[in-house]
Amino acid sequence: MSAAFRNSQEVLNRVEQIEEICGRDIGNGIELLVEAAKGGLLGAACSIAEHPSPHVAIMTGFFVPHGNPPAAETDGPIGCAHLAAGLHRVGIPVRLVTDPLCLNAVKVAAHAAGVPTQVPFDVVPVDAASVKDPSVTSILNLWQSSEPPVSHVISIERAGPSSDGTIRNINGDDITPHTAPLQLLFTLNQIITIGIGDLGNEIGMGTLPKELIAKNINRGELIACNTPCNYLIVCGVSNWGAIGLLTALALLRPDWKSKLTKGLTLETDQQILKTLVYDGPAVDGDSACQALTIETFPWEYHGKVLTEILEAAGLIESA
């Protein structure tokens, strides 16, 4: 990709528009968090688009222990599936990362998006205690010894520890016993880290001042994650941020565009959600119910946002 194309005003404007769409607040009070993280989408996309040998690990899965049934939530795996499928189609090595409680949900979403079964999964047990835990060490060693080595790790809607080390949900409940410490995989300096979240308790949100989250998010002081990242994307729904990253990459790399976005359709998006909910299973993260909703909003609402993102990226004509 030429620097001239990357710096063209049209591309920059389109990426900024996508970031604005993804950053739309759905009632969580994230406006100032979005503003503080502005530019994160472009930075994250450029870090992949300009890397000579990208190899991307994508982690997701937010387990809802009080769900009916207890299951992973619908936000996260869908965006992960779209992003993994697109990167794989352009020949970028991809690996998916989660824990045993969310594994099946992440798998079925990925496969519904067209991610081949041979794409590897790295699974961290819920009781992993530290970066020296054999399960964590073996994954980090594998990432470093791969050819090419893992260059990026992207966390999508993955809960991380607050200042006291406790992992909490939106209500401030301690979900540490149900959440593997995937933040331990953000520890290698040579790997570029990207965080995508929508509230403040997700991995990567430690990039923002804790006071900002505390002042603007309900229970923010209690739930704020202290794990930082190189590039942070704050969005109304984390799935949107992952789709935004995929479309920003398509703008920055026109040679990748058609393959990156081949599966980014309303039909595929809806099918991923159905497969995730019924075969995962998965529940809505807010209502904790097994329903075709994400953050209580029906798929049709998210489909409209996806359409707006695709229009902003110039991938479909505006209505």
C-alpha atoms as a PDB file:
ATOM      1  CA  MET A   1       0.000   0.000   0.000  1.00  0.00           C
ATOM      2  CA  SER A   2       1.324   3.400  -0.922  1.00  0.00           C
ATOM      3  CA  ALA A   3       1.590   6.079   1.741  1.00  0.00           C
ATOM      4  CA  ALA A   4      -0.078   8.454  -0.725  1.00  0.00           C
ATOM      5  CA  PHE A   5      -3.188   6.304  -0.775  1.00  0.00           C
ATOM      6  CA  ARG A   6      -3.207   5.919   3.002  1.00  0.00           C
ATOM      7  CA  ASN A   7      -2.972   9.660   3.429  1.00  0.00           C
ATOM      8  CA  SER A   8      -5.569  10.519   0.797  1.00  0.00           C
ATOM      9  CA  GLN A   9      -8.228  12.740   2.305  1.00  0.00           C
ATOM     10  CA  GLU A  10     -11.044  10.566   0.992  1.00  0.00           C
ATOM     11  CA  VAL A  11      -9.740   7.491   2.796  1.00  0.00           C
ATOM     12  CA  LEU A  12      -9.111   9.406   6.010  1.00  0.00           C
ATOM     13  CA  ASN A  13     -12.589  10.923   5.863  1.00  0.00           C
ATOM     14  CA  ARG A  14     -14.223   7.560   5.278  1.00  0.00           C
ATOM     15  CA  VAL A  15     -12.328   5.914   8.157  1.00  0.00           C
ATOM     16  CA  GLU A  16     -13.282   8.808  10.428  1.00  0.00           C
ATOM     17  CA  GLN A  17     -16.917   8.418   9.397  1.00  0.00           C
ATOM     18  CA  ILE A  18     -16.790   4.688  10.143  1.00  0.00           C
ATOM     19  CA  GLU A  19     -15.280   5.427  13.553  1.00  0.00           C
ATOM     20  CA  GLU A  20     -18.114   7.857  14.278  1.00  0.00           C
ATOM     21  CA  ILE A  21     -20.755   5.279  13.327  1.00  0.00           C
ATOM     22  CA  CYS A  22     -19.097   2.593  15.451  1.00  0.00           C
ATOM     23  CA  GLY A  23     -18.808   5.015  18.371  1.00  0.00           C
ATOM     24  CA  ARG A  24     -22.533   5.728  18.540  1.00  0.00           C
ATOM     25  CA  ASP A  25     -23.668   5.473  22.156  1.00  0.00           C
ATOM     26  CA  ILE A  26     -26.544   3.084  22.901  1.00  0.00           C
ATOM     27  CA  GLY A  27     -27.130   4.431  26.398  1.00  0.00           C
ATOM     28  CA  ASN A  28     -23.952   3.568  28.304  1.00  0.00           C
ATOM     29  CA  GLY A  29     -22.543   7.101  28.410  1.00  0.00           C
ATOM     30  CA  ILE A  30     -19.445   6.376  26.339  1.00  0.00           C
ATOM     31  CA  GLU A  31     -19.306   9.651  24.393  1.00  0.00           C
ATOM     32  CA  LEU A  32     -16.224  11.025  26.164  1.00  0.00           C
ATOM     33  CA  LEU A  33     -14.515   7.619  26.031  1.00  0.00           C
ATOM     34  CA  VAL A  34     -15.076   7.564  22.283  1.00  0.00           C
ATOM     35  CA  GLU A  35     -13.630  11.050  21.983  1.00  0.00           C
ATOM     36  CA  ALA A  36     -10.562  10.127  24.057  1.00  0.00           C
ATOM     37  CA  ALA A  37      -9.886   7.074  21.860  1.00  0.00           C
ATOM     38  CA  LYS A  38     -10.460   8.926  18.589  1.00  0.00           C
ATOM     39  CA  GLY A  39      -7.988   7.860  15.915  1.00  0.00           C
ATOM     40  CA  GLY A  40      -7.657   4.377  17.356  1.00  0.00           C
ATOM     41  CA  LEU A  41      -9.455   2.804  14.417  1.00  0.00           C
ATOM     42  CA  LEU A  42      -7.103   4.348  11.864  1.00  0.00           C
ATOM     43  CA  GLY A  43      -4.053   3.483  13.947  1.00  0.00           C
ATOM     44  CA  ALA A  44      -5.138  -0.128  14.399  1.00  0.00           C
ATOM     45  CA  ALA A  45      -5.993  -0.566  10.719  1.00  0.00           C
ATOM     46  CA  CYS A  46      -2.711   0.986   9.563  1.00  0.00           C
ATOM     47  CA  SER A  47      -0.719  -1.253  11.915  1.00  0.00           C
ATOM     48  CA  ILE A  48      -2.096  -4.313  10.100  1.00  0.00           C
ATOM     49  CA  ALA A  49      -2.253  -2.844   6.584  1.00  0.00           C
ATOM     50  CA  GLU A  50       1.372  -1.710   6.662  1.00  0.00           C
ATOM     51  CA  HIS A  51       2.864  -4.718   8.474  1.00  0.00           C
ATOM     52  CA  PRO A  52       5.201  -6.765   6.253  1.00  0.00           C
ATOM     53  CA  SER A  53       4.070 -10.145   7.655  1.00  0.00           C
ATOM     54  CA  PRO A  54       0.897  -9.839   9.695  1.00  0.00           C
ATOM     55  CA  HIS A  55      -0.244 -12.804  11.776  1.00  0.00           C
ATOM     56  CA  VAL A  56      -3.289 -11.977  13.871  1.00  0.00           C
ATOM     57  CA  ALA A  57      -4.630 -13.575  17.047  1.00  0.00           C
ATOM     58  CA  ILE A  58      -8.207 -12.532  17.871  1.00  0.00           C
ATOM     59  CA  MET A  59      -9.630 -13.106  21.340  1.00  0.00           C
ATOM     60  CA  THR A  60     -13.267 -12.876  22.374  1.00  0.00           C
ATOM     61  CA  GLY A  61     -15.949 -14.444  24.534  1.00  0.00           C
ATOM     62  CA  PHE A  62     -17.692 -12.821  27.495  1.00  0.00           C
ATOM     63  CA  PHE A  63     -19.312 -15.512  29.648  1.00  0.00           C
ATOM     64  CA  VAL A  64     -22.597 -14.657  31.368  1.00  0.00           C
ATOM     65  CA  PRO A  65     -22.846 -17.015  34.381  1.00  0.00           C
ATOM     66  CA  HIS A  66     -26.350 -15.815  35.301  1.00  0.00           C
ATOM     67  CA  GLY A  67     -27.628 -16.283  31.758  1.00  0.00           C
ATOM     68  CA  ASN A  68     -30.527 -18.507  30.813  1.00  0.00           C
ATOM     69  CA  PRO A  69     -28.685 -20.675  29.965  1.00  0.00           C
ATOM     70  CA  PRO A  70     -25.242 -19.668  31.293  1.00  0.00           C
ATOM     71  CA  ALA A  71     -23.382 -18.896  28.067  1.00  0.00           C
ATOM     72  CA  ALA A  72     -21.192 -16.515  26.125  1.00  0.00           C
ATOM     73  CA  GLU A  73     -22.828 -13.239  25.137  1.00  0.00           C
ATOM     74  CA  THR A  74     -23.741 -12.365  21.563  1.00  0.00           C
ATOM     75  CA  ASP A  75     -21.500  -9.297  21.420  1.00  0.00           C
ATOM     76  CA  GLY A  76     -17.928 -10.175  20.475  1.00  0.00           C
ATOM     77  CA  PRO A  77     -18.050 -13.529  18.660  1.00  0.00           C
ATOM     78  CA  ILE A  78     -19.896 -12.027  15.672  1.00  0.00           C
ATOM     79  CA  GLY A  79     -17.343  -9.286  15.129  1.00  0.00           C
ATOM     80  CA  CYS A  80     -14.536 -11.766  15.715  1.00  0.00           C
ATOM     81  CA  ALA A  81     -16.021 -14.110  13.101  1.00  0.00           C
ATOM     82  CA  HIS A  82     -16.310 -11.398  10.442  1.00  0.00           C
ATOM     83  CA  LEU A  83     -12.787 -10.143  11.090  1.00  0.00           C
ATOM     84  CA  ALA A  84     -11.193 -13.593  11.145  1.00  0.00           C
ATOM     85  CA  ALA A  85     -12.969 -14.651   7.945  1.00  0.00           C
ATOM     86  CA  GLY A  86     -11.902 -11.506   6.098  1.00  0.00           C
ATOM     87  CA  LEU A  87      -8.269 -11.699   7.176  1.00  0.00           C
ATOM     88  CA  HIS A  88      -8.115 -15.384   6.286  1.00  0.00           C
ATOM     89  CA  ARG A  89      -9.483 -14.704   2.812  1.00  0.00           C
ATOM     90  CA  VAL A  90      -6.593 -12.343   2.040  1.00  0.00           C
ATOM     91  CA  GLY A  91      -4.035 -14.882   3.240  1.00  0.00           C
ATOM     92  CA  ILE A  92      -3.238 -13.401   6.639  1.00  0.00           C
ATOM     93  CA  PRO A  93      -2.649 -16.176   9.197  1.00  0.00           C
ATOM     94  CA  VAL A  94      -5.311 -16.008  11.895  1.00  0.00           C
ATOM     95  CA  ARG A  95      -5.766 -17.789  15.198  1.00  0.00           C
ATOM     96  CA  LEU A  96      -8.694 -17.478  17.595  1.00  0.00           C
ATOM     97  CA  VAL A  97      -8.350 -17.209  21.360  1.00  0.00           C
ATOM     98  CA  THR A  98     -10.914 -17.847  24.091  1.00  0.00           C
ATOM     99  CA  ASP A  99     -11.591 -19.993  27.147  1.00  0.00           C
ATOM    100  CA  PRO A 100     -13.400 -23.325  27.561  1.00  0.00           C
ATOM    101  CA  LEU A 101     -16.678 -21.706  28.619  1.00  0.00           C
ATOM    102  CA  CYS A 102     -16.932 -19.652  25.417  1.00  0.00           C
ATOM    103  CA  LEU A 103     -15.148 -22.028  23.050  1.00  0.00           C
ATOM    104  CA  ASN A 104     -18.133 -23.578  21.281  1.00  0.00           C
ATOM    105  CA  ALA A 105     -19.866 -20.239  20.810  1.00  0.00           C
ATOM    106  CA  VAL A 106     -16.778 -18.688  19.237  1.00  0.00           C
ATOM    107  CA  LYS A 107     -16.282 -21.767  17.045  1.00  0.00           C
ATOM    108  CA  VAL A 108     -19.803 -21.887  15.638  1.00  0.00           C
ATOM    109  CA  ALA A 109     -19.818 -18.148  14.952  1.00  0.00           C
ATOM    110  CA  ALA A 110     -16.483 -18.401  13.145  1.00  0.00           C
ATOM    111  CA  HIS A 111     -17.604 -21.334  11.042  1.00  0.00           C
ATOM    112  CA  ALA A 112     -20.879 -19.577  10.157  1.00  0.00           C
ATOM    113  CA  ALA A 113     -18.774 -16.702   8.825  1.00  0.00           C
ATOM    114  CA  GLY A 114     -16.750 -19.059   6.659  1.00  0.00           C
ATOM    115  CA  VAL A 115     -13.645 -19.460   8.825  1.00  0.00           C
ATOM    116  CA  PRO A 116     -12.156 -22.870   7.933  1.00  0.00           C
ATOM    117  CA  THR A 117     -11.979 -25.507  10.639  1.00  0.00           C
ATOM    118  CA  GLN A 118      -8.192 -25.669  10.302  1.00  0.00           C
ATOM    119  CA  VAL A 119      -7.788 -22.147  11.704  1.00  0.00           C
ATOM    120  CA  PRO A 120      -6.243 -22.811  15.132  1.00  0.00           C
ATOM    121  CA  PHE A 121      -7.796 -22.045  18.496  1.00  0.00           C
ATOM    122  CA  ASP A 122      -5.756 -21.148  21.565  1.00  0.00           C
ATOM    123  CA  VAL A 123      -7.706 -21.930  24.725  1.00  0.00           C
ATOM    124  CA  VAL A 124      -6.707 -20.577  28.132  1.00  0.00           C
ATOM    125  CA  PRO A 125      -8.209 -22.359  31.155  1.00  0.00           C
ATOM    126  CA  VAL A 126     -10.305 -20.284  33.530  1.00  0.00           C
ATOM    127  CA  ASP A 127      -7.989 -21.074  36.452  1.00  0.00           C
ATOM    128  CA  ALA A 128      -4.742 -19.945  34.781  1.00  0.00           C
ATOM    129  CA  ALA A 129      -2.999 -17.965  37.512  1.00  0.00           C
ATOM    130  CA  SER A 130      -0.237 -15.966  35.851  1.00  0.00           C
ATOM    131  CA  VAL A 131       1.883 -15.492  32.758  1.00  0.00           C
ATOM    132  CA  LYS A 132       4.025 -18.364  34.103  1.00  0.00           C
ATOM    133  CA  ASP A 133       1.089 -20.770  33.979  1.00  0.00           C
ATOM    134  CA  PRO A 134       2.028 -23.570  31.532  1.00  0.00           C
ATOM    135  CA  SER A 135      -1.097 -22.990  29.446  1.00  0.00           C
ATOM    136  CA  VAL A 136      -0.239 -19.321  28.958  1.00  0.00           C
ATOM    137  CA  THR A 137       3.474 -19.918  28.451  1.00  0.00           C
ATOM    138  CA  SER A 138       2.852 -22.558  25.805  1.00  0.00           C
ATOM    139  CA  ILE A 139       0.602 -20.200  23.818  1.00  0.00           C
ATOM    140  CA  LEU A 140       3.078 -17.310  24.018  1.00  0.00           C
ATOM    141  CA  ASN A 141       5.939 -19.600  22.980  1.00  0.00           C
ATOM    142  CA  LEU A 142       3.885 -20.879  20.058  1.00  0.00           C
ATOM    143  CA  TRP A 143       3.090 -17.335  18.974  1.00  0.00           C
ATOM    144  CA  GLN A 144       6.756 -16.384  19.011  1.00  0.00           C
ATOM    145  CA  SER A 145       7.935 -19.512  17.192  1.00  0.00           C
ATOM    146  CA  SER A 146       5.270 -19.445  14.472  1.00  0.00           C
ATOM    147  CA  GLU A 147       6.297 -18.499  10.944  1.00  0.00           C
ATOM    148  CA  PRO A 148       5.588 -15.667  10.734  1.00  0.00           C
ATOM    149  CA  PRO A 149       5.325 -14.976  14.466  1.00  0.00           C
ATOM    150  CA  VAL A 150       2.125 -13.461  15.769  1.00  0.00           C
ATOM    151  CA  SER A 151       2.291  -9.730  15.050  1.00  0.00           C
ATOM    152  CA  HIS A 152      -1.055  -8.570  16.459  1.00  0.00           C
ATOM    153  CA  VAL A 153      -3.470  -9.633  19.174  1.00  0.00           C
ATOM    154  CA  ILE A 154      -6.961  -8.134  19.048  1.00  0.00           C
ATOM    155  CA  SER A 155      -9.352  -8.337  21.990  1.00  0.00           C
ATOM    156  CA  ILE A 156     -13.040  -7.929  21.154  1.00  0.00           C
ATOM    157  CA  GLU A 157     -15.487  -7.540  24.058  1.00  0.00           C
ATOM    158  CA  ARG A 158     -13.342  -9.499  26.455  1.00  0.00           C
ATOM    159  CA  ALA A 159     -13.576  -8.640  30.151  1.00  0.00           C
ATOM    160  CA  GLY A 160     -10.345  -7.718  31.894  1.00  0.00           C
ATOM    161  CA  PRO A 161      -9.225  -7.041  35.461  1.00  0.00           C
ATOM    162  CA  SER A 162      -9.961  -3.849  37.351  1.00  0.00           C
ATOM    163  CA  SER A 163      -7.391  -2.164  39.601  1.00  0.00           C
ATOM    164  CA  ASP A 164      -7.793  -4.763  42.352  1.00  0.00           C
ATOM    165  CA  GLY A 165      -7.369  -7.660  39.907  1.00  0.00           C
ATOM    166  CA  THR A 166     -11.051  -8.599  39.933  1.00  0.00           C
ATOM    167  CA  ILE A 167     -12.872  -9.074  36.627  1.00  0.00           C
ATOM    168  CA  ARG A 168     -16.357  -7.583  36.783  1.00  0.00           C
ATOM    169  CA  ASN A 169     -19.409  -7.326  34.558  1.00  0.00           C
ATOM    170  CA  ILE A 170     -21.549  -4.253  33.888  1.00  0.00           C
ATOM    171  CA  ASN A 171     -23.300  -4.644  37.250  1.00  0.00           C
ATOM    172  CA  GLY A 172     -20.031  -4.810  39.153  1.00  0.00           C
ATOM    173  CA  ASP A 173     -20.444  -8.518  39.864  1.00  0.00           C
ATOM    174  CA  ASP A 174     -17.248 -10.542  40.273  1.00  0.00           C
ATOM    175  CA  ILE A 175     -16.999 -12.877  37.259  1.00  0.00           C
ATOM    176  CA  THR A 176     -13.343 -13.806  37.791  1.00  0.00           C
ATOM    177  CA  PRO A 177     -14.200 -17.493  38.460  1.00  0.00           C
ATOM    178  CA  HIS A 178     -15.874 -17.653  35.040  1.00  0.00           C
ATOM    179  CA  THR A 179     -13.316 -15.658  33.026  1.00  0.00           C
ATOM    180  CA  ALA A 180      -9.901 -16.885  31.895  1.00  0.00           C
ATOM    181  CA  PRO A 181      -7.177 -14.206  32.250  1.00  0.00           C
ATOM    182  CA  LEU A 182      -6.665 -13.629  28.534  1.00  0.00           C
ATOM    183  CA  GLN A 183      -5.067 -10.282  29.388  1.00  0.00           C
ATOM    184  CA  LEU A 184      -1.921 -12.293  30.135  1.00  0.00           C
ATOM    185  CA  LEU A 185      -1.542 -12.674  26.370  1.00  0.00           C
ATOM    186  CA  PHE A 186      -1.159  -8.890  26.050  1.00  0.00           C
ATOM    187  CA  THR A 187       2.272  -9.070  27.677  1.00  0.00           C
ATOM    188  CA  LEU A 188       4.701  -9.480  24.769  1.00  0.00           C
ATOM    189  CA  ASN A 189       6.211  -6.123  23.825  1.00  0.00           C
ATOM    190  CA  GLN A 190       6.869  -7.166  20.231  1.00  0.00           C
ATOM    191  CA  ILE A 191       3.183  -7.909  19.599  1.00  0.00           C
ATOM    192  CA  ILE A 192       0.899  -5.001  18.669  1.00  0.00           C
ATOM    193  CA  THR A 193      -2.200  -4.983  20.875  1.00  0.00           C
ATOM    194  CA  ILE A 194      -5.638  -3.739  19.825  1.00  0.00           C
ATOM    195  CA  GLY A 195      -8.569  -3.469  22.201  1.00  0.00           C
ATOM    196  CA  ILE A 196     -12.221  -3.179  21.162  1.00  0.00           C
ATOM    197  CA  GLY A 197     -14.794  -2.484  23.872  1.00  0.00           C
ATOM    198  CA  ASP A 198     -18.038  -0.675  24.597  1.00  0.00           C
ATOM    199  CA  LEU A 199     -18.157   0.051  28.314  1.00  0.00           C
ATOM    200  CA  GLY A 200     -14.851   0.265  30.160  1.00  0.00           C
ATOM    201  CA  ASN A 201     -14.396  -3.181  31.687  1.00  0.00           C
ATOM    202  CA  GLU A 202     -12.873  -4.733  28.571  1.00  0.00           C
ATOM    203  CA  ILE A 203      -9.238  -5.586  27.853  1.00  0.00           C
ATOM    204  CA  GLY A 204      -7.554  -2.524  26.365  1.00  0.00           C
ATOM    205  CA  MET A 205      -9.583   0.062  28.290  1.00  0.00           C
ATOM    206  CA  GLY A 206      -6.630   0.614  30.610  1.00  0.00           C
ATOM    207  CA  THR A 207      -5.367   2.902  27.843  1.00  0.00           C
ATOM    208  CA  LEU A 208      -7.871   5.492  29.074  1.00  0.00           C
ATOM    209  CA  PRO A 209      -7.558   7.348  32.388  1.00  0.00           C
ATOM    210  CA  LYS A 210      -9.467   5.450  35.053  1.00  0.00           C
ATOM    211  CA  GLU A 211     -11.022   8.746  36.162  1.00  0.00           C
ATOM    212  CA  LEU A 212     -12.620   9.165  32.734  1.00  0.00           C
ATOM    213  CA  ILE A 213     -14.363   5.800  33.003  1.00  0.00           C
ATOM    214  CA  ALA A 214     -15.273   6.420  36.642  1.00  0.00           C
ATOM    215  CA  LYS A 215     -16.950   9.765  35.869  1.00  0.00           C
ATOM    216  CA  ASN A 216     -18.885   8.681  32.783  1.00  0.00           C
ATOM    217  CA  ILE A 217     -19.768   5.007  33.197  1.00  0.00           C
ATOM    218  CA  ASN A 218     -22.135   3.598  35.799  1.00  0.00           C
ATOM    219  CA  ARG A 219     -19.958   1.817  38.404  1.00  0.00           C
ATOM    220  CA  GLY A 220     -16.997   2.878  36.273  1.00  0.00           C
ATOM    221  CA  GLU A 221     -14.591   3.218  39.174  1.00  0.00           C
ATOM    222  CA  LEU A 222     -15.323  -0.357  40.192  1.00  0.00           C
ATOM    223  CA  ILE A 223     -15.349  -2.070  36.790  1.00  0.00           C
ATOM    224  CA  ALA A 224     -12.691  -0.141  34.804  1.00  0.00           C
ATOM    225  CA  CYS A 225     -10.165  -2.534  33.245  1.00  0.00           C
ATOM    226  CA  ASN A 226      -6.532  -1.617  33.848  1.00  0.00           C
ATOM    227  CA  THR A 227      -5.055  -3.540  30.897  1.00  0.00           C
ATOM    228  CA  PRO A 228      -3.877  -1.089  28.206  1.00  0.00           C
ATOM    229  CA  CYS A 229      -3.265  -1.623  24.507  1.00  0.00           C
ATOM    230  CA  ASN A 230      -1.452   0.050  21.629  1.00  0.00           C
ATOM    231  CA  TYR A 231      -4.661   0.972  19.799  1.00  0.00           C
ATOM    232  CA  LEU A 232      -8.079   1.293  21.410  1.00  0.00           C
ATOM    233  CA  ILE A 233     -11.424   1.303  19.590  1.00  0.00           C
ATOM    234  CA  VAL A 234     -14.366   2.366  21.774  1.00  0.00           C
ATOM    235  CA  CYS A 235     -17.750   1.670  20.223  1.00  0.00           C
ATOM    236  CA  GLY A 236     -21.422   1.428  21.071  1.00  0.00           C
ATOM    237  CA  VAL A 237     -21.366  -2.329  20.424  1.00  0.00           C
ATOM    238  CA  SER A 238     -18.081  -4.206  20.180  1.00  0.00           C
ATOM    239  CA  ASN A 239     -19.183  -6.161  17.105  1.00  0.00           C
ATOM    240  CA  TRP A 240     -19.405  -2.796  15.314  1.00  0.00           C
ATOM    241  CA  GLY A 241     -15.789  -1.995  16.168  1.00  0.00           C
ATOM    242  CA  ALA A 242     -14.556  -5.264  14.673  1.00  0.00           C
ATOM    243  CA  ILE A 243     -16.558  -4.657  11.495  1.00  0.00           C
ATOM    244  CA  GLY A 244     -15.256  -1.100  11.446  1.00  0.00           C
ATOM    245  CA  LEU A 245     -11.696  -2.385  11.599  1.00  0.00           C
ATOM    246  CA  LEU A 246     -12.365  -4.756   8.714  1.00  0.00           C
ATOM    247  CA  THR A 247     -13.833  -2.020   6.525  1.00  0.00           C
ATOM    248  CA  ALA A 248     -11.060   0.439   7.431  1.00  0.00           C
ATOM    249  CA  LEU A 249      -8.557  -2.179   6.294  1.00  0.00           C
ATOM    250  CA  ALA A 250     -10.458  -2.502   3.026  1.00  0.00           C
ATOM    251  CA  LEU A 251     -10.081   1.242   2.467  1.00  0.00           C
ATOM    252  CA  LEU A 252      -6.371   1.226   3.288  1.00  0.00           C
ATOM    253  CA  ARG A 253      -5.637  -1.846   1.181  1.00  0.00           C
ATOM    254  CA  PRO A 254      -7.677  -1.738  -2.038  1.00  0.00           C
ATOM    255  CA  ASP A 255      -5.727  -4.819  -3.173  1.00  0.00           C
ATOM    256  CA  TRP A 256      -7.387  -6.699  -0.278  1.00  0.00           C
ATOM    257  CA  LYS A 257     -10.779  -5.035  -0.530  1.00  0.00           C
ATOM    258  CA  SER A 258     -12.865  -7.590  -2.427  1.00  0.00           C
ATOM    259  CA  LYS A 259     -11.658 -10.606  -0.433  1.00  0.00           C
ATOM    260  CA  LEU A 260     -11.725  -8.813   2.924  1.00  0.00           C
ATOM    261  CA  THR A 261     -15.359  -7.854   2.563  1.00  0.00           C
ATOM    262  CA  LYS A 262     -16.704 -10.750   0.505  1.00  0.00           C
ATOM    263  CA  GLY A 263     -18.654 -12.181   3.440  1.00  0.00           C
ATOM    264  CA  LEU A 264     -19.610  -8.883   5.033  1.00  0.00           C
ATOM    265  CA  THR A 265     -23.285  -9.003   4.079  1.00  0.00           C
ATOM    266  CA  LEU A 266     -26.539  -8.608   5.962  1.00  0.00           C
ATOM    267  CA  GLU A 267     -27.462 -12.205   5.176  1.00  0.00           C
ATOM    268  CA  THR A 268     -24.207 -13.572   6.583  1.00  0.00           C
ATOM    269  CA  ASP A 269     -24.385 -11.343   9.654  1.00  0.00           C
ATOM    270  CA  GLN A 270     -27.887 -12.517  10.491  1.00  0.00           C
ATOM    271  CA  GLN A 271     -26.929 -16.149   9.937  1.00  0.00           C
ATOM    272  CA  ILE A 272     -23.934 -15.812  12.270  1.00  0.00           C
ATOM    273  CA  LEU A 273     -26.222 -14.469  15.001  1.00  0.00           C
ATOM    274  CA  LYS A 274     -28.754 -17.282  14.568  1.00  0.00           C
ATOM    275  CA  THR A 275     -26.057 -19.940  14.577  1.00  0.00           C
ATOM    276  CA  LEU A 276     -24.343 -18.383  17.578  1.00  0.00           C
ATOM    277  CA  VAL A 277     -27.510 -18.121  19.669  1.00  0.00           C
ATOM    278  CA  TYR A 278     -28.955 -21.548  18.939  1.00  0.00           C
ATOM    279  CA  ASP A 279     -25.835 -23.665  18.428  1.00  0.00           C
ATOM    280  CA  GLY A 280     -23.393 -21.860  20.724  1.00  0.00           C
ATOM    281  CA  PRO A 281     -25.435 -21.321  22.716  1.00  0.00           C
ATOM    282  CA  ALA A 282     -25.211 -17.592  23.405  1.00  0.00           C
ATOM    283  CA  VAL A 283     -27.260 -15.048  25.318  1.00  0.00           C
ATOM    284  CA  ASP A 284     -27.800 -11.318  25.161  1.00  0.00           C
ATOM    285  CA  GLY A 285     -25.235  -9.717  27.453  1.00  0.00           C
ATOM    286  CA  ASP A 286     -27.765  -7.278  28.943  1.00  0.00           C
ATOM    287  CA  SER A 287     -30.937  -9.344  29.209  1.00  0.00           C
ATOM    288  CA  ALA A 288     -29.063 -12.636  29.798  1.00  0.00           C
ATOM    289  CA  CYS A 289     -31.693 -14.341  27.620  1.00  0.00           C
ATOM    290  CA  GLN A 290     -31.130 -16.691  24.692  1.00  0.00           C
ATOM    291  CA  ALA A 291     -32.530 -14.407  22.009  1.00  0.00           C
ATOM    292  CA  LEU A 292     -31.638 -12.990  18.605  1.00  0.00           C
ATOM    293  CA  THR A 293     -30.539  -9.711  20.169  1.00  0.00           C
ATOM    294  CA  ILE A 294     -27.265  -7.959  20.934  1.00  0.00           C
ATOM    295  CA  GLU A 295     -27.208  -5.550  23.897  1.00  0.00           C
ATOM    296  CA  THR A 296     -31.053  -5.903  23.925  1.00  0.00           C
ATOM    297  CA  PHE A 297     -31.352  -4.590  20.342  1.00  0.00           C
ATOM    298  CA  PRO A 298     -32.798  -6.901  17.656  1.00  0.00           C
ATOM    299  CA  TRP A 299     -30.692  -7.910  14.675  1.00  0.00           C
ATOM    300  CA  GLU A 300     -32.568  -5.452  12.438  1.00  0.00           C
ATOM    301  CA  TYR A 301     -31.084  -2.543  14.413  1.00  0.00           C
ATOM    302  CA  HIS A 302     -27.572  -3.906  14.027  1.00  0.00           C
ATOM    303  CA  GLY A 303     -28.244  -4.606  10.365  1.00  0.00           C
ATOM    304  CA  LYS A 304     -28.965  -0.912   9.840  1.00  0.00           C
ATOM    305  CA  VAL A 305     -25.666   0.010  11.523  1.00  0.00           C
ATOM    306  CA  LEU A 306     -23.834  -2.519   9.345  1.00  0.00           C
ATOM    307  CA  THR A 307     -25.453  -0.943   6.295  1.00  0.00           C
ATOM    308  CA  GLU A 308     -24.274   2.504   7.401  1.00  0.00           C
ATOM    309  CA  ILE A 309     -20.720   1.221   7.852  1.00  0.00           C
ATOM    310  CA  LEU A 310     -20.741  -0.395   4.414  1.00  0.00           C
ATOM    311  CA  GLU A 311     -22.062   2.838   2.874  1.00  0.00           C
ATOM    312  CA  ALA A 312     -19.405   4.910   4.654  1.00  0.00           C
ATOM    313  CA  ALA A 313     -16.728   2.577   3.313  1.00  0.00           C
ATOM    314  CA  GLY A 314     -18.101   2.891  -0.214  1.00  0.00           C
ATOM    315  CA  LEU A 315     -18.848  -0.817  -0.354  1.00  0.00           C
ATOM    316  CA  ILE A 316     -22.522  -0.329  -1.170  1.00  0.00           C
ATOM    317  CA  GLU A 317     -24.468   2.579  -2.580  1.00  0.00           C
ATOM    318  CA  SER A 318     -26.325   4.825  -0.176  1.00  0.00           C
ATOM    319  CA  ALA A 319     -30.066   4.322  -0.233  1.00  0.00           C
END
